[in-house]
Amino acid sequence: MKDSLDPGVEIRFDAGFISKDAIKKALYRHGDVVTFEVSILANELCVALRLRSDAPAGVDLEIVAEQLRLDAVDYDLRERIAEQTAPLRNTILAYTFSRTGLMS
C-alpha cells in the first residue's frame, strides 16, 4: 500500500503552449498508475499527481511525471499536424471517392 501522506508531484503546463485535450489524453494514458487533480492558475494548467494505491511496486512517480510531460507534447503535436494537414487529407479522400463511383 502506498503512503497516504505522499505529497506527490506537481506539473505545470503553459496553457498557450499545450492544449487541454493533449494534457487530458496524456493523463488518461497514465491513469493506470496515477491519480490526478487539475487546476487552472492564470495561464497555467497545474496537475497534481499521486501514485494510485494499486500501482505496481517500484513505480517511480518522477519517471511517470517525466513521461506524462513528453506524452502531452506528443499529443499536442499530433493535434496540430492533423489540423494543418486536414485540407490536403480531405482533398485526397474526396478525389479517391469520386473515382470509385460510390458518391453521386
PDB file of N, CA and C in Angstrom:
ATOM      1  N   MET A   1       0.842  -1.186   0.000  1.00  0.00           N
ATOM      2  CA  MET A   1       0.000   0.000   0.000  1.00  0.00           C
ATOM      3  C   MET A   1       0.880   1.240   0.000  1.00  0.00           C
ATOM      4  N   LYS A   2       0.490   2.225  -0.760  1.00  0.00           N
ATOM      5  CA  LYS A   2       1.258   3.460  -0.872  1.00  0.00           C
ATOM      6  C   LYS A   2       1.026   4.333   0.355  1.00  0.00           C
ATOM      7  N   ASP A   3       2.007   5.183   0.664  1.00  0.00           N
ATOM      8  CA  ASP A   3       1.922   6.112   1.781  1.00  0.00           C
ATOM      9  C   ASP A   3       0.877   7.176   1.479  1.00  0.00           C
ATOM     10  N   SER A   4      -0.174   7.260   2.314  1.00  0.00           N
ATOM     11  CA  SER A   4      -1.243   8.227   2.064  1.00  0.00           C
ATOM     12  C   SER A   4      -0.786   9.659   2.298  1.00  0.00           C
ATOM     13  N   LEU A   5       0.369   9.848   2.948  1.00  0.00           N
ATOM     14  CA  LEU A   5       0.899  11.185   3.178  1.00  0.00           C
ATOM     15  C   LEU A   5       1.865  11.609   2.077  1.00  0.00           C
ATOM     16  N   ASP A   6       2.040  10.771   1.071  1.00  0.00           N
ATOM     17  CA  ASP A   6       2.925  11.084  -0.052  1.00  0.00           C
ATOM     18  C   ASP A   6       2.466  12.381  -0.708  1.00  0.00           C
ATOM     19  N   PRO A   7       3.341  13.385  -0.784  1.00  0.00           N
ATOM     20  CA  PRO A   7       2.935  14.672  -1.344  1.00  0.00           C
ATOM     21  C   PRO A   7       2.705  14.634  -2.851  1.00  0.00           C
ATOM     22  N   GLY A   8       3.224  13.653  -3.526  1.00  0.00           N
ATOM     23  CA  GLY A   8       3.039  13.570  -4.964  1.00  0.00           C
ATOM     24  C   GLY A   8       3.960  14.520  -5.712  1.00  0.00           C
ATOM     25  N   VAL A   9       3.601  14.773  -6.950  1.00  0.00           N
ATOM     26  CA  VAL A   9       4.391  15.628  -7.832  1.00  0.00           C
ATOM     27  C   VAL A   9       3.433  16.596  -8.505  1.00  0.00           C
ATOM     28  N   GLU A  10       3.881  17.831  -8.690  1.00  0.00           N
ATOM     29  CA  GLU A  10       3.065  18.806  -9.417  1.00  0.00           C
ATOM     30  C   GLU A  10       3.749  19.144 -10.729  1.00  0.00           C
ATOM     31  N   ILE A  11       2.966  19.140 -11.791  1.00  0.00           N
ATOM     32  CA  ILE A  11       3.456  19.517 -13.119  1.00  0.00           C
ATOM     33  C   ILE A  11       2.659  20.743 -13.547  1.00  0.00           C
ATOM     34  N   ARG A  12       3.352  21.701 -14.143  1.00  0.00           N
ATOM     35  CA  ARG A  12       2.676  22.898 -14.661  1.00  0.00           C
ATOM     36  C   ARG A  12       2.875  22.964 -16.171  1.00  0.00           C
ATOM     37  N   PHE A  13       1.768  23.207 -16.874  1.00  0.00           N
ATOM     38  CA  PHE A  13       1.798  23.342 -18.323  1.00  0.00           C
ATOM     39  C   PHE A  13       1.347  24.746 -18.693  1.00  0.00           C
ATOM     40  N   ASP A  14       2.012  25.359 -19.637  1.00  0.00           N
ATOM     41  CA  ASP A  14       1.595  26.649 -20.171  1.00  0.00           C
ATOM     42  C   ASP A  14       0.389  26.398 -21.074  1.00  0.00           C
ATOM     43  N   ALA A  15      -0.762  26.948 -20.711  1.00  0.00           N
ATOM     44  CA  ALA A  15      -1.996  26.708 -21.460  1.00  0.00           C
ATOM     45  C   ALA A  15      -1.931  27.250 -22.885  1.00  0.00           C
ATOM     46  N   GLY A  16      -1.025  28.169 -23.149  1.00  0.00           N
ATOM     47  CA  GLY A  16      -0.870  28.685 -24.505  1.00  0.00           C
ATOM     48  C   GLY A  16       0.045  27.833 -25.358  1.00  0.00           C
ATOM     49  N   PHE A  17       0.727  26.882 -24.730  1.00  0.00           N
ATOM     50  CA  PHE A  17       1.687  26.049 -25.446  1.00  0.00           C
ATOM     51  C   PHE A  17       1.150  24.650 -25.717  1.00  0.00           C
ATOM     52  N   ILE A  18       0.439  24.080 -24.757  1.00  0.00           N
ATOM     53  CA  ILE A  18      -0.079  22.719 -24.897  1.00  0.00           C
ATOM     54  C   ILE A  18      -1.586  22.751 -24.660  1.00  0.00           C
ATOM     55  N   SER A  19      -2.333  22.086 -25.532  1.00  0.00           N
ATOM     56  CA  SER A  19      -3.787  22.103 -25.422  1.00  0.00           C
ATOM     57  C   SER A  19      -4.283  21.287 -24.232  1.00  0.00           C
ATOM     58  N   LYS A  20      -5.444  21.657 -23.748  1.00  0.00           N
ATOM     59  CA  LYS A  20      -6.065  20.914 -22.648  1.00  0.00           C
ATOM     60  C   LYS A  20      -6.350  19.480 -23.071  1.00  0.00           C
ATOM     61  N   ASP A  21      -6.790  19.306 -24.317  1.00  0.00           N
ATOM     62  CA  ASP A  21      -7.087  17.950 -24.798  1.00  0.00           C
ATOM     63  C   ASP A  21      -5.842  17.077 -24.799  1.00  0.00           C
ATOM     64  N   ALA A  22      -4.707  17.631 -25.176  1.00  0.00           N
ATOM     65  CA  ALA A  22      -3.462  16.858 -25.185  1.00  0.00           C
ATOM     66  C   ALA A  22      -3.092  16.437 -23.765  1.00  0.00           C
ATOM     67  N   ILE A  23      -3.279  17.337 -22.816  1.00  0.00           N
ATOM     68  CA  ILE A  23      -2.979  17.007 -21.425  1.00  0.00           C
ATOM     69  C   ILE A  23      -3.931  15.935 -20.917  1.00  0.00           C
ATOM     70  N   LYS A  24      -5.207  16.052 -21.268  1.00  0.00           N
ATOM     71  CA  LYS A  24      -6.184  15.034 -20.861  1.00  0.00           C
ATOM     72  C   LYS A  24      -5.817  13.658 -21.413  1.00  0.00           C
ATOM     73  N   LYS A  25      -5.416  13.611 -22.673  1.00  0.00           N
ATOM     74  CA  LYS A  25      -5.027  12.330 -23.281  1.00  0.00           C
ATOM     75  C   LYS A  25      -3.822  11.733 -22.563  1.00  0.00           C
ATOM     76  N   ALA A  26      -2.845  12.576 -22.242  1.00  0.00           N
ATOM     77  CA  ALA A  26      -1.655  12.093 -21.537  1.00  0.00           C
ATOM     78  C   ALA A  26      -2.026  11.580 -20.141  1.00  0.00           C
ATOM     79  N   LEU A  27      -2.908  12.291 -19.467  1.00  0.00           N
ATOM     80  CA  LEU A  27      -3.346  11.850 -18.136  1.00  0.00           C
ATOM     81  C   LEU A  27      -4.087  10.520 -18.222  1.00  0.00           C
ATOM     82  N   TYR A  28      -4.950  10.401 -19.210  1.00  0.00           N
ATOM     83  CA  TYR A  28      -5.690   9.157 -19.392  1.00  0.00           C
ATOM     84  C   TYR A  28      -4.736   7.989 -19.645  1.00  0.00           C
ATOM     85  N   ARG A  29      -3.708   8.245 -20.431  1.00  0.00           N
ATOM     86  CA  ARG A  29      -2.741   7.193 -20.751  1.00  0.00           C
ATOM     87  C   ARG A  29      -2.058   6.646 -19.503  1.00  0.00           C
ATOM     88  N   HIS A  30      -1.849   7.501 -18.508  1.00  0.00           N
ATOM     89  CA  HIS A  30      -1.146   7.085 -17.294  1.00  0.00           C
ATOM     90  C   HIS A  30      -2.093   6.848 -16.119  1.00  0.00           C
ATOM     91  N   GLY A  31      -3.373   6.812 -16.399  1.00  0.00           N
ATOM     92  CA  GLY A  31      -4.368   6.624 -15.353  1.00  0.00           C
ATOM     93  C   GLY A  31      -4.310   5.287 -14.655  1.00  0.00           C
ATOM     94  N   ASP A  32      -3.566   4.343 -15.205  1.00  0.00           N
ATOM     95  CA  ASP A  32      -3.450   3.041 -14.547  1.00  0.00           C
ATOM     96  C   ASP A  32      -2.503   3.081 -13.351  1.00  0.00           C
ATOM     97  N   VAL A  33      -1.641   4.105 -13.266  1.00  0.00           N
ATOM     98  CA  VAL A  33      -0.687   4.166 -12.159  1.00  0.00           C
ATOM     99  C   VAL A  33      -0.773   5.448 -11.324  1.00  0.00           C
ATOM    100  N   VAL A  34      -1.444   6.479 -11.844  1.00  0.00           N
ATOM    101  CA  VAL A  34      -1.544   7.731 -11.086  1.00  0.00           C
ATOM    102  C   VAL A  34      -2.979   8.236 -11.014  1.00  0.00           C
ATOM    103  N   THR A  35      -3.238   8.979  -9.961  1.00  0.00           N
ATOM    104  CA  THR A  35      -4.449   9.773  -9.886  1.00  0.00           C
ATOM    105  C   THR A  35      -3.998  11.215 -10.068  1.00  0.00           C
ATOM    106  N   PHE A  36      -4.912  12.073 -10.418  1.00  0.00           N
ATOM    107  CA  PHE A  36      -4.507  13.443 -10.693  1.00  0.00           C
ATOM    108  C   PHE A  36      -5.606  14.419 -10.316  1.00  0.00           C
ATOM    109  N   GLU A  37      -5.181  15.637 -10.068  1.00  0.00           N
ATOM    110  CA  GLU A  37      -6.093  16.748  -9.830  1.00  0.00           C
ATOM    111  C   GLU A  37      -5.588  17.905 -10.663  1.00  0.00           C
ATOM    112  N   VAL A  38      -6.466  18.489 -11.456  1.00  0.00           N
ATOM    113  CA  VAL A  38      -6.082  19.566 -12.362  1.00  0.00           C
ATOM    114  C   VAL A  38      -6.695  20.873 -11.867  1.00  0.00           C
ATOM    115  N   SER A  39      -5.889  21.917 -11.869  1.00  0.00           N
ATOM    116  CA  SER A  39      -6.393  23.250 -11.548  1.00  0.00           C
ATOM    117  C   SER A  39      -5.805  24.238 -12.542  1.00  0.00           C
ATOM    118  N   ILE A  40      -6.485  25.361 -12.690  1.00  0.00           N
ATOM    119  CA  ILE A  40      -6.031  26.393 -13.620  1.00  0.00           C
ATOM    120  C   ILE A  40      -5.643  27.621 -12.812  1.00  0.00           C
ATOM    121  N   LEU A  41      -4.407  28.060 -12.998  1.00  0.00           N
ATOM    122  CA  LEU A  41      -3.905  29.261 -12.340  1.00  0.00           C
ATOM    123  C   LEU A  41      -3.361  30.175 -13.421  1.00  0.00           C
ATOM    124  N   ALA A  42      -4.008  31.326 -13.589  1.00  0.00           N
ATOM    125  CA  ALA A  42      -3.614  32.284 -14.627  1.00  0.00           C
ATOM    126  C   ALA A  42      -3.596  31.580 -15.973  1.00  0.00           C
ATOM    127  N   ASN A  43      -2.434  31.464 -16.606  1.00  0.00           N
ATOM    128  CA  ASN A  43      -2.312  30.825 -17.915  1.00  0.00           C
ATOM    129  C   ASN A  43      -1.619  29.471 -17.802  1.00  0.00           C
ATOM    130  N   GLU A  44      -1.733  28.839 -16.626  1.00  0.00           N
ATOM    131  CA  GLU A  44      -1.094  27.540 -16.420  1.00  0.00           C
ATOM    132  C   GLU A  44      -2.122  26.498 -16.014  1.00  0.00           C
ATOM    133  N   LEU A  45      -1.902  25.301 -16.498  1.00  0.00           N
ATOM    134  CA  LEU A  45      -2.661  24.150 -16.040  1.00  0.00           C
ATOM    135  C   LEU A  45      -1.761  23.412 -15.060  1.00  0.00           C
ATOM    136  N   CYS A  46      -2.206  23.300 -13.827  1.00  0.00           N
ATOM    137  CA  CYS A  46      -1.413  22.640 -12.783  1.00  0.00           C
ATOM    138  C   CYS A  46      -1.997  21.252 -12.543  1.00  0.00           C
ATOM    139  N   VAL A  47      -1.146  20.253 -12.607  1.00  0.00           N
ATOM    140  CA  VAL A  47      -1.579  18.876 -12.428  1.00  0.00           C
ATOM    141  C   VAL A  47      -0.833  18.284 -11.238  1.00  0.00           C
ATOM    142  N   ALA A  48      -1.581  17.905 -10.222  1.00  0.00           N
ATOM    143  CA  ALA A  48      -1.008  17.237  -9.056  1.00  0.00           C
ATOM    144  C   ALA A  48      -1.165  15.738  -9.266  1.00  0.00           C
ATOM    145  N   LEU A  49      -0.050  15.024  -9.231  1.00  0.00           N
ATOM    146  CA  LEU A  49      -0.054  13.574  -9.451  1.00  0.00           C
ATOM    147  C   LEU A  49       0.254  12.836  -8.155  1.00  0.00           C
ATOM    148  N   ARG A  50      -0.396  11.718  -7.968  1.00  0.00           N
ATOM    149  CA  ARG A  50      -0.093  10.797  -6.873  1.00  0.00           C
ATOM    150  C   ARG A  50      -0.182   9.386  -7.429  1.00  0.00           C
ATOM    151  N   LEU A  51       0.618   8.510  -6.868  1.00  0.00           N
ATOM    152  CA  LEU A  51       0.521   7.114  -7.273  1.00  0.00           C
ATOM    153  C   LEU A  51      -0.787   6.525  -6.779  1.00  0.00           C
ATOM    154  N   ARG A  52      -1.407   5.712  -7.603  1.00  0.00           N
ATOM    155  CA  ARG A  52      -2.619   5.004  -7.187  1.00  0.00           C
ATOM    156  C   ARG A  52      -2.252   4.003  -6.104  1.00  0.00           C
ATOM    157  N   SER A  53      -3.194   3.717  -5.245  1.00  0.00           N
ATOM    158  CA  SER A  53      -2.934   2.753  -4.170  1.00  0.00           C
ATOM    159  C   SER A  53      -2.671   1.359  -4.721  1.00  0.00           C
ATOM    160  N   ASP A  54      -3.184   1.067  -5.917  1.00  0.00           N
ATOM    161  CA  ASP A  54      -2.973  -0.252  -6.522  1.00  0.00           C
ATOM    162  C   ASP A  54      -1.891  -0.245  -7.605  1.00  0.00           C
ATOM    163  N   ALA A  55      -1.072   0.817  -7.627  1.00  0.00           N
ATOM    164  CA  ALA A  55       0.021   0.876  -8.615  1.00  0.00           C
ATOM    165  C   ALA A  55       1.038  -0.208  -8.292  1.00  0.00           C
ATOM    166  N   PRO A  56       1.646  -0.800  -9.307  1.00  0.00           N
ATOM    167  CA  PRO A  56       2.649  -1.839  -9.071  1.00  0.00           C
ATOM    168  C   PRO A  56       3.813  -1.305  -8.228  1.00  0.00           C
ATOM    169  N   ALA A  57       4.369  -2.184  -7.436  1.00  0.00           N
ATOM    170  CA  ALA A  57       5.525  -1.810  -6.617  1.00  0.00           C
ATOM    171  C   ALA A  57       6.667  -1.376  -7.528  1.00  0.00           C
ATOM    172  N   GLY A  58       7.413  -0.382  -7.099  1.00  0.00           N
ATOM    173  CA  GLY A  58       8.576   0.053  -7.853  1.00  0.00           C
ATOM    174  C   GLY A  58       8.304   1.143  -8.870  1.00  0.00           C
ATOM    175  N   VAL A  59       7.049   1.573  -9.023  1.00  0.00           N
ATOM    176  CA  VAL A  59       6.742   2.651  -9.958  1.00  0.00           C
ATOM    177  C   VAL A  59       7.292   3.947  -9.370  1.00  0.00           C
ATOM    178  N   ASP A  60       8.078   4.656 -10.161  1.00  0.00           N
ATOM    179  CA  ASP A  60       8.688   5.916  -9.735  1.00  0.00           C
ATOM    180  C   ASP A  60       7.831   7.069 -10.259  1.00  0.00           C
ATOM    181  N   LEU A  61       7.247   7.832  -9.358  1.00  0.00           N
ATOM    182  CA  LEU A  61       6.354   8.919  -9.741  1.00  0.00           C
ATOM    183  C   LEU A  61       7.067   9.982 -10.567  1.00  0.00           C
ATOM    184  N   GLU A  62       8.316  10.233 -10.284  1.00  0.00           N
ATOM    185  CA  GLU A  62       9.073  11.230 -11.061  1.00  0.00           C
ATOM    186  C   GLU A  62       9.221  10.785 -12.517  1.00  0.00           C
ATOM    187  N   ILE A  63       9.440   9.504 -12.729  1.00  0.00           N
ATOM    188  CA  ILE A  63       9.570   8.986 -14.097  1.00  0.00           C
ATOM    189  C   ILE A  63       8.220   9.042 -14.811  1.00  0.00           C
ATOM    190  N   VAL A  64       7.153   8.716 -14.098  1.00  0.00           N
ATOM    191  CA  VAL A  64       5.814   8.811 -14.693  1.00  0.00           C
ATOM    192  C   VAL A  64       5.522  10.264 -15.074  1.00  0.00           C
ATOM    193  N   ALA A  65       5.880  11.202 -14.203  1.00  0.00           N
ATOM    194  CA  ALA A  65       5.658  12.629 -14.483  1.00  0.00           C
ATOM    195  C   ALA A  65       6.448  13.069 -15.712  1.00  0.00           C
ATOM    196  N   GLU A  66       7.678  12.603 -15.822  1.00  0.00           N
ATOM    197  CA  GLU A  66       8.509  12.943 -16.983  1.00  0.00           C
ATOM    198  C   GLU A  66       7.884  12.405 -18.271  1.00  0.00           C
ATOM    199  N   GLN A  67       7.412  11.161 -18.228  1.00  0.00           N
ATOM    200  CA  GLN A  67       6.789  10.562 -19.411  1.00  0.00           C
ATOM    201  C   GLN A  67       5.484  11.278 -19.752  1.00  0.00           C
ATOM    202  N   LEU A  68       4.748  11.687 -18.718  1.00  0.00           N
ATOM    203  CA  LEU A  68       3.500  12.409 -18.951  1.00  0.00           C
ATOM    204  C   LEU A  68       3.764  13.733 -19.658  1.00  0.00           C
ATOM    205  N   ARG A  69       4.813  14.427 -19.268  1.00  0.00           N
ATOM    206  CA  ARG A  69       5.173  15.685 -19.950  1.00  0.00           C
ATOM    207  C   ARG A  69       5.462  15.430 -21.429  1.00  0.00           C
ATOM    208  N   LEU A  70       6.243  14.397 -21.696  1.00  0.00           N
ATOM    209  CA  LEU A  70       6.575  14.056 -23.081  1.00  0.00           C
ATOM    210  C   LEU A  70       5.332  13.662 -23.872  1.00  0.00           C
ATOM    211  N   ASP A  71       4.462  12.880 -23.251  1.00  0.00           N
ATOM    212  CA  ASP A  71       3.238  12.454 -23.925  1.00  0.00           C
ATOM    213  C   ASP A  71       2.330  13.640 -24.238  1.00  0.00           C
ATOM    214  N   ALA A  72       2.250  14.603 -23.326  1.00  0.00           N
ATOM    215  CA  ALA A  72       1.413  15.780 -23.564  1.00  0.00           C
ATOM    216  C   ALA A  72       1.909  16.555 -24.781  1.00  0.00           C
ATOM    217  N   VAL A  73       3.221  16.717 -24.890  1.00  0.00           N
ATOM    218  CA  VAL A  73       3.789  17.410 -26.055  1.00  0.00           C
ATOM    219  C   VAL A  73       3.513  16.598 -27.321  1.00  0.00           C
ATOM    220  N   ASP A  74       3.684  15.291 -27.236  1.00  0.00           N
ATOM    221  CA  ASP A  74       3.435  14.426 -28.386  1.00  0.00           C
ATOM    222  C   ASP A  74       1.991  14.535 -28.864  1.00  0.00           C
ATOM    223  N   TYR A  75       1.036  14.439 -27.943  1.00  0.00           N
ATOM    224  CA  TYR A  75      -0.374  14.537 -28.326  1.00  0.00           C
ATOM    225  C   TYR A  75      -0.700  15.915 -28.901  1.00  0.00           C
ATOM    226  N   ASP A  76      -0.105  16.963 -28.328  1.00  0.00           N
ATOM    227  CA  ASP A  76      -0.338  18.309 -28.838  1.00  0.00           C
ATOM    228  C   ASP A  76       0.180  18.433 -30.277  1.00  0.00           C
ATOM    229  N   LEU A  77       1.366  17.917 -30.534  1.00  0.00           N
ATOM    230  CA  LEU A  77       1.916  17.967 -31.892  1.00  0.00           C
ATOM    231  C   LEU A  77       1.058  17.174 -32.871  1.00  0.00           C
ATOM    232  N   ARG A  78       0.554  16.035 -32.439  1.00  0.00           N
ATOM    233  CA  ARG A  78      -0.330  15.242 -33.301  1.00  0.00           C
ATOM    234  C   ARG A  78      -1.584  16.030 -33.674  1.00  0.00           C
ATOM    235  N   GLU A  79      -2.154  16.747 -32.681  1.00  0.00           N
ATOM    236  CA  GLU A  79      -3.332  17.571 -32.951  1.00  0.00           C
ATOM    237  C   GLU A  79      -3.019  18.646 -33.980  1.00  0.00           C
ATOM    238  N   ARG A  80      -1.894  19.324 -33.811  1.00  0.00           N
ATOM    239  CA  ARG A  80      -1.521  20.415 -34.712  1.00  0.00           C
ATOM    240  C   ARG A  80      -1.249  19.899 -36.131  1.00  0.00           C
ATOM    241  N   ILE A  81      -0.589  18.759 -36.232  1.00  0.00           N
ATOM    242  CA  ILE A  81      -0.325  18.171 -37.547  1.00  0.00           C
ATOM    243  C   ILE A  81      -1.640  17.780 -38.218  1.00  0.00           C
ATOM    244  N   ALA A  82      -2.560  17.193 -37.446  1.00  0.00           N
ATOM    245  CA  ALA A  82      -3.862  16.807 -38.009  1.00  0.00           C
ATOM    246  C   ALA A  82      -4.624  18.034 -38.509  1.00  0.00           C
ATOM    247  N   GLU A  83      -4.574  19.136 -37.746  1.00  0.00           N
ATOM    248  CA  GLU A  83      -5.248  20.367 -38.172  1.00  0.00           C
ATOM    249  C   GLU A  83      -4.626  20.924 -39.454  1.00  0.00           C
ATOM    250  N   GLN A  84      -3.312  20.924 -39.513  1.00  0.00           N
ATOM    251  CA  GLN A  84      -2.622  21.517 -40.661  1.00  0.00           C
ATOM    252  C   GLN A  84      -2.744  20.681 -41.922  1.00  0.00           C
ATOM    253  N   THR A  85      -2.879  19.386 -41.773  1.00  0.00           N
ATOM    254  CA  THR A  85      -2.948  18.518 -42.953  1.00  0.00           C
ATOM    255  C   THR A  85      -4.382  18.139 -43.330  1.00  0.00           C
ATOM    256  N   ALA A  86      -5.374  18.588 -42.559  1.00  0.00           N
ATOM    257  CA  ALA A  86      -6.774  18.227 -42.827  1.00  0.00           C
ATOM    258  C   ALA A  86      -7.223  18.615 -44.237  1.00  0.00           C
ATOM    259  N   PRO A  87      -6.935  19.822 -44.706  1.00  0.00           N
ATOM    260  CA  PRO A  87      -7.401  20.158 -46.067  1.00  0.00           C
ATOM    261  C   PRO A  87      -6.835  19.225 -47.135  1.00  0.00           C
ATOM    262  N   LEU A  88      -5.576  18.915 -47.051  1.00  0.00           N
ATOM    263  CA  LEU A  88      -4.968  18.016 -48.029  1.00  0.00           C
ATOM    264  C   LEU A  88      -5.544  16.608 -47.899  1.00  0.00           C
ATOM    265  N   ARG A  89      -5.681  16.136 -46.682  1.00  0.00           N
ATOM    266  CA  ARG A  89      -6.241  14.799 -46.448  1.00  0.00           C
ATOM    267  C   ARG A  89      -7.663  14.725 -46.997  1.00  0.00           C
ATOM    268  N   ASN A  90      -8.463  15.755 -46.763  1.00  0.00           N
ATOM    269  CA  ASN A  90      -9.845  15.763 -47.263  1.00  0.00           C
ATOM    270  C   ASN A  90      -9.897  15.819 -48.785  1.00  0.00           C
ATOM    271  N   THR A  91      -8.980  16.566 -49.388  1.00  0.00           N
ATOM    272  CA  THR A  91      -8.916  16.633 -50.852  1.00  0.00           C
ATOM    273  C   THR A  91      -8.578  15.264 -51.433  1.00  0.00           C
ATOM    274  N   ILE A  92      -7.607  14.595 -50.843  1.00  0.00           N
ATOM    275  CA  ILE A  92      -7.220  13.257 -51.317  1.00  0.00           C
ATOM    276  C   ILE A  92      -8.379  12.278 -51.171  1.00  0.00           C
ATOM    277  N   LEU A  93      -9.062  12.321 -50.032  1.00  0.00           N
ATOM    278  CA  LEU A  93     -10.199  11.422 -49.821  1.00  0.00           C
ATOM    279  C   LEU A  93     -11.333  11.729 -50.800  1.00  0.00           C
ATOM    280  N   ALA A  94     -11.626  13.002 -51.013  1.00  0.00           N
ATOM    281  CA  ALA A  94     -12.701  13.372 -51.947  1.00  0.00           C
ATOM    282  C   ALA A  94     -12.371  12.896 -53.352  1.00  0.00           C
ATOM    283  N   TYR A  95     -11.135  13.096 -53.772  1.00  0.00           N
ATOM    284  CA  TYR A  95     -10.727  12.653 -55.107  1.00  0.00           C
ATOM    285  C   TYR A  95     -10.826  11.134 -55.209  1.00  0.00           C
ATOM    286  N   THR A  96     -10.361  10.435 -54.205  1.00  0.00           N
ATOM    287  CA  THR A  96     -10.386   8.970 -54.221  1.00  0.00           C
ATOM    288  C   THR A  96     -11.801   8.459 -54.314  1.00  0.00           C
ATOM    289  N   PHE A  97     -12.696   8.998 -53.500  1.00  0.00           N
ATOM    290  CA  PHE A  97     -14.083   8.528 -53.538  1.00  0.00           C
ATOM    291  C   PHE A  97     -14.796   8.960 -54.809  1.00  0.00           C
ATOM    292  N   SER A  98     -14.413  10.063 -55.384  1.00  0.00           N
ATOM    293  CA  SER A  98     -15.065  10.486 -56.630  1.00  0.00           C
ATOM    294  C   SER A  98     -14.723   9.554 -57.778  1.00  0.00           C
ATOM    295  N   ARG A  99     -13.613   8.892 -57.702  1.00  0.00           N
ATOM    296  CA  ARG A  99     -13.189   7.981 -58.758  1.00  0.00           C
ATOM    297  C   ARG A  99     -13.795   6.583 -58.602  1.00  0.00           C
ATOM    298  N   THR A 100     -14.408   6.287 -57.464  1.00  0.00           N
ATOM    299  CA  THR A 100     -14.945   4.946 -57.231  1.00  0.00           C
ATOM    300  C   THR A 100     -16.374   4.777 -57.709  1.00  0.00           C
ATOM    301  N   GLY A 101     -17.081   5.886 -57.883  1.00  0.00           N
ATOM    302  CA  GLY A 101     -18.492   5.793 -58.257  1.00  0.00           C
ATOM    303  C   GLY A 101     -19.383   5.581 -57.048  1.00  0.00           C
ATOM    304  N   LEU A 102     -18.806   5.588 -55.833  1.00  0.00           N
ATOM    305  CA  LEU A 102     -19.616   5.404 -54.640  1.00  0.00           C
ATOM    306  C   LEU A 102     -20.369   6.671 -54.249  1.00  0.00           C
ATOM    307  N   MET A 103     -19.853   7.809 -54.658  1.00  0.00           N
ATOM    308  CA  MET A 103     -20.514   9.072 -54.341  1.00  0.00           C
ATOM    309  C   MET A 103     -21.224   9.590 -55.584  1.00  0.00           C
ATOM    310  N   SER A 104     -22.381  10.145 -55.391  1.00  0.00           N
ATOM    311  CA  SER A 104     -23.158  10.667 -56.538  1.00  0.00           C
ATOM    312  C   SER A 104     -22.817  12.105 -56.779  1.00  0.00           C
TER     313      SER A 104
END
